Amino acid sequence: MNKYSQLTIDIRYQIYAFRRSGLTQSEIAREVGVHPSTICRELKRNVAGKRYRPKQAQSMADSMSLQ
């Protein structure tokens, strides 16, 4: 089993770019090397309107790791 690790800001910007280019969640997961459920959760937590916000997502992750 793989060890859990948080998404990096680089991966979050990749998710943003792939999403804008029209890739599905499964395709994005394959491209960045994570499980599709990781992408699903990431988008569920960090979509405002219809847009994924990678900078906001990273800020939230950083603030959670400080607690």
PDB file of N, CA and C in Angstrom:
ATOM      1  N   MET A   1       0.846  -1.178   0.000  1.00  0.00           N
ATOM      2  CA  MET A   1       0.000   0.000   0.000  1.00  0.00           C
ATOM      3  C   MET A   1       0.893   1.243   0.000  1.00  0.00           C
ATOM      4  N   ASN A   2       0.488   2.235  -0.748  1.00  0.00           N
ATOM      5  CA  ASN A   2       1.267   3.468  -0.822  1.00  0.00           C
ATOM      6  C   ASN A   2       1.083   4.317   0.424  1.00  0.00           C
ATOM      7  N   LYS A   3       2.126   5.024   0.787  1.00  0.00           N
ATOM      8  CA  LYS A   3       2.070   5.946   1.917  1.00  0.00           C
ATOM      9  C   LYS A   3       1.316   7.202   1.493  1.00  0.00           C
ATOM     10  N   TYR A   4       0.500   7.722   2.376  1.00  0.00           N
ATOM     11  CA  TYR A   4      -0.254   8.938   2.099  1.00  0.00           C
ATOM     12  C   TYR A   4       0.686  10.130   2.044  1.00  0.00           C
ATOM     13  N   SER A   5       0.473  11.002   1.088  1.00  0.00           N
ATOM     14  CA  SER A   5       1.177  12.280   1.056  1.00  0.00           C
ATOM     15  C   SER A   5       0.245  13.323   0.453  1.00  0.00           C
ATOM     16  N   GLN A   6       0.355  14.520   0.956  1.00  0.00           N
ATOM     17  CA  GLN A   6      -0.501  15.592   0.457  1.00  0.00           C
ATOM     18  C   GLN A   6      -0.103  15.980  -0.956  1.00  0.00           C
ATOM     19  N   LEU A   7      -1.060  16.519  -1.677  1.00  0.00           N
ATOM     20  CA  LEU A   7      -0.770  17.029  -3.006  1.00  0.00           C
ATOM     21  C   LEU A   7       0.114  18.262  -2.886  1.00  0.00           C
ATOM     22  N   THR A   8       1.014  18.404  -3.808  1.00  0.00           N
ATOM     23  CA  THR A   8       1.884  19.584  -3.821  1.00  0.00           C
ATOM     24  C   THR A   8       1.227  20.691  -4.629  1.00  0.00           C
ATOM     25  N   ILE A   9       1.759  21.889  -4.508  1.00  0.00           N
ATOM     26  CA  ILE A   9       1.238  23.012  -5.292  1.00  0.00           C
ATOM     27  C   ILE A   9       1.421  22.735  -6.780  1.00  0.00           C
ATOM     28  N   ASP A  10       2.522  22.082  -7.154  1.00  0.00           N
ATOM     29  CA  ASP A  10       2.751  21.745  -8.567  1.00  0.00           C
ATOM     30  C   ASP A  10       1.665  20.812  -9.094  1.00  0.00           C
ATOM     31  N   ILE A  11       1.322  19.796  -8.315  1.00  0.00           N
ATOM     32  CA  ILE A  11       0.272  18.868  -8.731  1.00  0.00           C
ATOM     33  C   ILE A  11      -1.069  19.594  -8.800  1.00  0.00           C
ATOM     34  N   ARG A  12      -1.310  20.489  -7.855  1.00  0.00           N
ATOM     35  CA  ARG A  12      -2.574  21.231  -7.883  1.00  0.00           C
ATOM     36  C   ARG A  12      -2.683  22.095  -9.140  1.00  0.00           C
ATOM     37  N   TYR A  13      -1.589  22.690  -9.581  1.00  0.00           N
ATOM     38  CA  TYR A  13      -1.631  23.471 -10.822  1.00  0.00           C
ATOM     39  C   TYR A  13      -1.762  22.550 -12.041  1.00  0.00           C
ATOM     40  N   GLN A  14      -1.226  21.335 -11.959  1.00  0.00           N
ATOM     41  CA  GLN A  14      -1.430  20.368 -13.040  1.00  0.00           C
ATOM     42  C   GLN A  14      -2.909  19.985 -13.120  1.00  0.00           C
ATOM     43  N   ILE A  15      -3.521  19.734 -11.970  1.00  0.00           N
ATOM     44  CA  ILE A  15      -4.947  19.417 -11.936  1.00  0.00           C
ATOM     45  C   ILE A  15      -5.743  20.542 -12.582  1.00  0.00           C
ATOM     46  N   TYR A  16      -5.397  21.769 -12.227  1.00  0.00           N
ATOM     47  CA  TYR A  16      -6.065  22.949 -12.790  1.00  0.00           C
ATOM     48  C   TYR A  16      -5.954  22.958 -14.319  1.00  0.00           C
ATOM     49  N   ALA A  17      -4.747  22.748 -14.826  1.00  0.00           N
ATOM     50  CA  ALA A  17      -4.515  22.789 -16.276  1.00  0.00           C
ATOM     51  C   ALA A  17      -5.243  21.643 -16.978  1.00  0.00           C
ATOM     52  N   PHE A  18      -5.159  20.444 -16.420  1.00  0.00           N
ATOM     53  CA  PHE A  18      -5.817  19.303 -17.041  1.00  0.00           C
ATOM     54  C   PHE A  18      -7.336  19.472 -17.027  1.00  0.00           C
ATOM     55  N   ARG A  19      -7.852  20.012 -15.948  1.00  0.00           N
ATOM     56  CA  ARG A  19      -9.301  20.243 -15.854  1.00  0.00           C
ATOM     57  C   ARG A  19      -9.743  21.255 -16.903  1.00  0.00           C
ATOM     58  N   ARG A  20      -8.956  22.322 -17.050  1.00  0.00           N
ATOM     59  CA  ARG A  20      -9.283  23.342 -18.060  1.00  0.00           C
ATOM     60  C   ARG A  20      -9.217  22.788 -19.476  1.00  0.00           C
ATOM     61  N   SER A  21      -8.356  21.800 -19.687  1.00  0.00           N
ATOM     62  CA  SER A  21      -8.241  21.220 -21.026  1.00  0.00           C
ATOM     63  C   SER A  21      -9.297  20.156 -21.295  1.00  0.00           C
ATOM     64  N   GLY A  22     -10.128  19.855 -20.287  1.00  0.00           N
ATOM     65  CA  GLY A  22     -11.257  18.965 -20.500  1.00  0.00           C
ATOM     66  C   GLY A  22     -11.056  17.511 -20.127  1.00  0.00           C
ATOM     67  N   LEU A  23      -9.953  17.177 -19.466  1.00  0.00           N
ATOM     68  CA  LEU A  23      -9.737  15.792 -19.045  1.00  0.00           C
ATOM     69  C   LEU A  23     -10.726  15.413 -17.952  1.00  0.00           C
ATOM     70  N   THR A  24     -11.073  14.132 -17.918  1.00  0.00           N
ATOM     71  CA  THR A  24     -11.952  13.628 -16.863  1.00  0.00           C
ATOM     72  C   THR A  24     -11.140  13.465 -15.570  1.00  0.00           C
ATOM     73  N   GLN A  25     -11.839  13.246 -14.478  1.00  0.00           N
ATOM     74  CA  GLN A  25     -11.158  13.035 -13.200  1.00  0.00           C
ATOM     75  C   GLN A  25     -10.246  11.812 -13.262  1.00  0.00           C
ATOM     76  N   SER A  26     -10.694  10.753 -13.914  1.00  0.00           N
ATOM     77  CA  SER A  26      -9.868   9.548 -14.037  1.00  0.00           C
ATOM     78  C   SER A  26      -8.616   9.812 -14.865  1.00  0.00           C
ATOM     79  N   GLU A  27      -8.765  10.568 -15.931  1.00  0.00           N
ATOM     80  CA  GLU A  27      -7.612  10.898 -16.766  1.00  0.00           C
ATOM     81  C   GLU A  27      -6.624  11.779 -16.005  1.00  0.00           C
ATOM     82  N   ILE A  28      -7.147  12.742 -15.250  1.00  0.00           N
ATOM     83  CA  ILE A  28      -6.282  13.609 -14.445  1.00  0.00           C
ATOM     84  C   ILE A  28      -5.517  12.764 -13.422  1.00  0.00           C
ATOM     85  N   ALA A  29      -6.214  11.851 -12.763  1.00  0.00           N
ATOM     86  CA  ALA A  29      -5.586  10.991 -11.759  1.00  0.00           C
ATOM     87  C   ALA A  29      -4.443  10.191 -12.380  1.00  0.00           C
ATOM     88  N   ARG A  30      -4.677   9.640 -13.548  1.00  0.00           N
ATOM     89  CA  ARG A  30      -3.635   8.873 -14.244  1.00  0.00           C
ATOM     90  C   ARG A  30      -2.437   9.761 -14.566  1.00  0.00           C
ATOM     91  N   GLU A  31      -2.698  10.966 -15.046  1.00  0.00           N
ATOM     92  CA  GLU A  31      -1.624  11.881 -15.433  1.00  0.00           C
ATOM     93  C   GLU A  31      -0.756  12.308 -14.251  1.00  0.00           C
ATOM     94  N   VAL A  32      -1.376  12.571 -13.108  1.00  0.00           N
ATOM     95  CA  VAL A  32      -0.598  13.050 -11.952  1.00  0.00           C
ATOM     96  C   VAL A  32      -0.172  11.930 -11.019  1.00  0.00           C
ATOM     97  N   GLY A  33      -0.662  10.698 -11.273  1.00  0.00           N
ATOM     98  CA  GLY A  33      -0.209   9.541 -10.503  1.00  0.00           C
ATOM     99  C   GLY A  33      -0.843   9.368  -9.143  1.00  0.00           C
ATOM    100  N   VAL A  34      -2.126   9.685  -9.039  1.00  0.00           N
ATOM    101  CA  VAL A  34      -2.849   9.478  -7.783  1.00  0.00           C
ATOM    102  C   VAL A  34      -4.123   8.689  -8.073  1.00  0.00           C
ATOM    103  N   HIS A  35      -4.779   8.235  -7.032  1.00  0.00           N
ATOM    104  CA  HIS A  35      -6.026   7.497  -7.172  1.00  0.00           C
ATOM    105  C   HIS A  35      -7.130   8.457  -7.613  1.00  0.00           C
ATOM    106  N   PRO A  36      -8.051   8.000  -8.444  1.00  0.00           N
ATOM    107  CA  PRO A  36      -9.150   8.879  -8.887  1.00  0.00           C
ATOM    108  C   PRO A  36      -9.951   9.496  -7.735  1.00  0.00           C
ATOM    109  N   SER A  37     -10.076   8.775  -6.627  1.00  0.00           N
ATOM    110  CA  SER A  37     -10.822   9.339  -5.503  1.00  0.00           C
ATOM    111  C   SER A  37     -10.104  10.547  -4.901  1.00  0.00           C
ATOM    112  N   THR A  38      -8.782  10.594  -5.018  1.00  0.00           N
ATOM    113  CA  THR A  38      -8.023  11.758  -4.544  1.00  0.00           C
ATOM    114  C   THR A  38      -8.416  12.995  -5.340  1.00  0.00           C
ATOM    115  N   ILE A  39      -8.529  12.838  -6.653  1.00  0.00           N
ATOM    116  CA  ILE A  39      -8.926  13.961  -7.506  1.00  0.00           C
ATOM    117  C   ILE A  39     -10.357  14.363  -7.193  1.00  0.00           C
ATOM    118  N   CYS A  40     -11.224  13.391  -7.019  1.00  0.00           N
ATOM    119  CA  CYS A  40     -12.616  13.676  -6.689  1.00  0.00           C
ATOM    120  C   CYS A  40     -12.720  14.501  -5.410  1.00  0.00           C
ATOM    121  N   ARG A  41     -12.022  14.070  -4.359  1.00  0.00           N
ATOM    122  CA  ARG A  41     -12.062  14.801  -3.085  1.00  0.00           C
ATOM    123  C   ARG A  41     -11.457  16.193  -3.222  1.00  0.00           C
ATOM    124  N   GLU A  42     -10.341  16.285  -3.942  1.00  0.00           N
ATOM    125  CA  GLU A  42      -9.667  17.569  -4.122  1.00  0.00           C
ATOM    126  C   GLU A  42     -10.593  18.572  -4.814  1.00  0.00           C
ATOM    127  N   LEU A  43     -11.270  18.119  -5.848  1.00  0.00           N
ATOM    128  CA  LEU A  43     -12.170  19.015  -6.577  1.00  0.00           C
ATOM    129  C   LEU A  43     -13.404  19.353  -5.738  1.00  0.00           C
ATOM    130  N   LYS A  44     -13.910  18.381  -5.011  1.00  0.00           N
ATOM    131  CA  LYS A  44     -15.081  18.613  -4.171  1.00  0.00           C
ATOM    132  C   LYS A  44     -14.795  19.689  -3.116  1.00  0.00           C
ATOM    133  N   ARG A  45     -13.603  19.652  -2.558  1.00  0.00           N
ATOM    134  CA  ARG A  45     -13.229  20.603  -1.505  1.00  0.00           C
ATOM    135  C   ARG A  45     -12.876  21.991  -2.033  1.00  0.00           C
ATOM    136  N   ASN A  46     -12.402  22.060  -3.279  1.00  0.00           N
ATOM    137  CA  ASN A  46     -11.759  23.297  -3.727  1.00  0.00           C
ATOM    138  C   ASN A  46     -12.286  23.878  -5.029  1.00  0.00           C
ATOM    139  N   VAL A  47     -13.537  23.608  -5.346  1.00  0.00           N
ATOM    140  CA  VAL A  47     -14.142  24.223  -6.522  1.00  0.00           C
ATOM    141  C   VAL A  47     -15.056  25.331  -6.049  1.00  0.00           C
ATOM    142  N   ALA A  48     -14.836  26.514  -6.601  1.00  0.00           N
ATOM    143  CA  ALA A  48     -15.696  27.665  -6.314  1.00  0.00           C
ATOM    144  C   ALA A  48     -16.439  27.978  -7.610  1.00  0.00           C
ATOM    145  N   GLY A  49     -17.760  27.893  -7.570  1.00  0.00           N
ATOM    146  CA  GLY A  49     -18.508  28.005  -8.813  1.00  0.00           C
ATOM    147  C   GLY A  49     -18.224  26.756  -9.622  1.00  0.00           C
ATOM    148  N   LYS A  50     -17.625  26.917 -10.786  1.00  0.00           N
ATOM    149  CA  LYS A  50     -17.227  25.765 -11.598  1.00  0.00           C
ATOM    150  C   LYS A  50     -15.722  25.698 -11.764  1.00  0.00           C
ATOM    151  N   ARG A  51     -14.996  26.538 -11.044  1.00  0.00           N
ATOM    152  CA  ARG A  51     -13.541  26.620 -11.233  1.00  0.00           C
ATOM    153  C   ARG A  51     -12.784  26.068 -10.043  1.00  0.00           C
ATOM    154  N   TYR A  52     -11.787  25.259 -10.356  1.00  0.00           N
ATOM    155  CA  TYR A  52     -10.887  24.733  -9.339  1.00  0.00           C
ATOM    156  C   TYR A  52      -9.874  25.818  -9.010  1.00  0.00           C
ATOM    157  N   ARG A  53      -9.607  26.013  -7.734  1.00  0.00           N
ATOM    158  CA  ARG A  53      -8.704  27.062  -7.265  1.00  0.00           C
ATOM    159  C   ARG A  53      -7.466  26.453  -6.608  1.00  0.00           C
ATOM    160  N   PRO A  54      -6.382  26.237  -7.374  1.00  0.00           N
ATOM    161  CA  PRO A  54      -5.203  25.573  -6.805  1.00  0.00           C
ATOM    162  C   PRO A  54      -4.515  26.368  -5.702  1.00  0.00           C
ATOM    163  N   LYS A  55      -4.449  27.676  -5.834  1.00  0.00           N
ATOM    164  CA  LYS A  55      -3.783  28.490  -4.811  1.00  0.00           C
ATOM    165  C   LYS A  55      -4.570  28.440  -3.505  1.00  0.00           C
ATOM    166  N   GLN A  56      -5.881  28.548  -3.600  1.00  0.00           N
ATOM    167  CA  GLN A  56      -6.750  28.465  -2.433  1.00  0.00           C
ATOM    168  C   GLN A  56      -6.642  27.072  -1.799  1.00  0.00           C
ATOM    169  N   ALA A  57      -6.595  26.042  -2.638  1.00  0.00           N
ATOM    170  CA  ALA A  57      -6.473  24.673  -2.135  1.00  0.00           C
ATOM    171  C   ALA A  57      -5.183  24.498  -1.344  1.00  0.00           C
ATOM    172  N   GLN A  58      -4.088  25.039  -1.853  1.00  0.00           N
ATOM    173  CA  GLN A  58      -2.804  24.923  -1.166  1.00  0.00           C
ATOM    174  C   GLN A  58      -2.823  25.702   0.145  1.00  0.00           C
ATOM    175  N   SER A  59      -3.424  26.881   0.135  1.00  0.00           N
ATOM    176  CA  SER A  59      -3.515  27.679   1.365  1.00  0.00           C
ATOM    177  C   SER A  59      -4.294  26.927   2.439  1.00  0.00           C
ATOM    178  N   MET A  60      -5.396  26.289   2.043  1.00  0.00           N
ATOM    179  CA  MET A  60      -6.192  25.527   2.995  1.00  0.00           C
ATOM    180  C   MET A  60      -5.386  24.337   3.527  1.00  0.00           C
ATOM    181  N   ALA A  61      -4.676  23.645   2.654  1.00  0.00           N
ATOM    182  CA  ALA A  61      -3.863  22.496   3.084  1.00  0.00           C
ATOM    183  C   ALA A  61      -2.756  22.945   4.026  1.00  0.00           C
ATOM    184  N   ASP A  62      -2.135  24.064   3.717  1.00  0.00           N
ATOM    185  CA  ASP A  62      -1.078  24.583   4.591  1.00  0.00           C
ATOM    186  C   ASP A  62      -1.616  24.943   5.967  1.00  0.00           C
ATOM    187  N   SER A  63      -2.785  25.564   6.014  1.00  0.00           N
ATOM    188  CA  SER A  63      -3.348  25.966   7.303  1.00  0.00           C
ATOM    189  C   SER A  63      -3.773  24.752   8.107  1.00  0.00           C
ATOM    190  N   MET A  64      -4.226  23.688   7.448  1.00  0.00           N
ATOM    191  CA  MET A  64      -4.620  22.468   8.152  1.00  0.00           C
ATOM    192  C   MET A  64      -3.402  21.746   8.732  1.00  0.00           C
ATOM    193  N   SER A  65      -2.275  21.820   8.044  1.00  0.00           N
ATOM    194  CA  SER A  65      -1.085  21.124   8.535  1.00  0.00           C
ATOM    195  C   SER A  65      -0.467  21.831   9.740  1.00  0.00           C
ATOM    196  N   LEU A  66      -0.824  23.085   9.945  1.00  0.00           N
ATOM    197  CA  LEU A  66      -0.308  23.837  11.101  1.00  0.00           C
ATOM    198  C   LEU A  66      -1.078  23.525  12.365  1.00  0.00           C
ATOM    199  N   GLN A  67      -2.245  22.946  12.237  1.00  0.00           N
ATOM    200  CA  GLN A  67      -3.087  22.671  13.430  1.00  0.00           C
ATOM    201  C   GLN A  67      -2.659  21.418  14.127  1.00  0.00           C
TER     202      GLN A  67
END
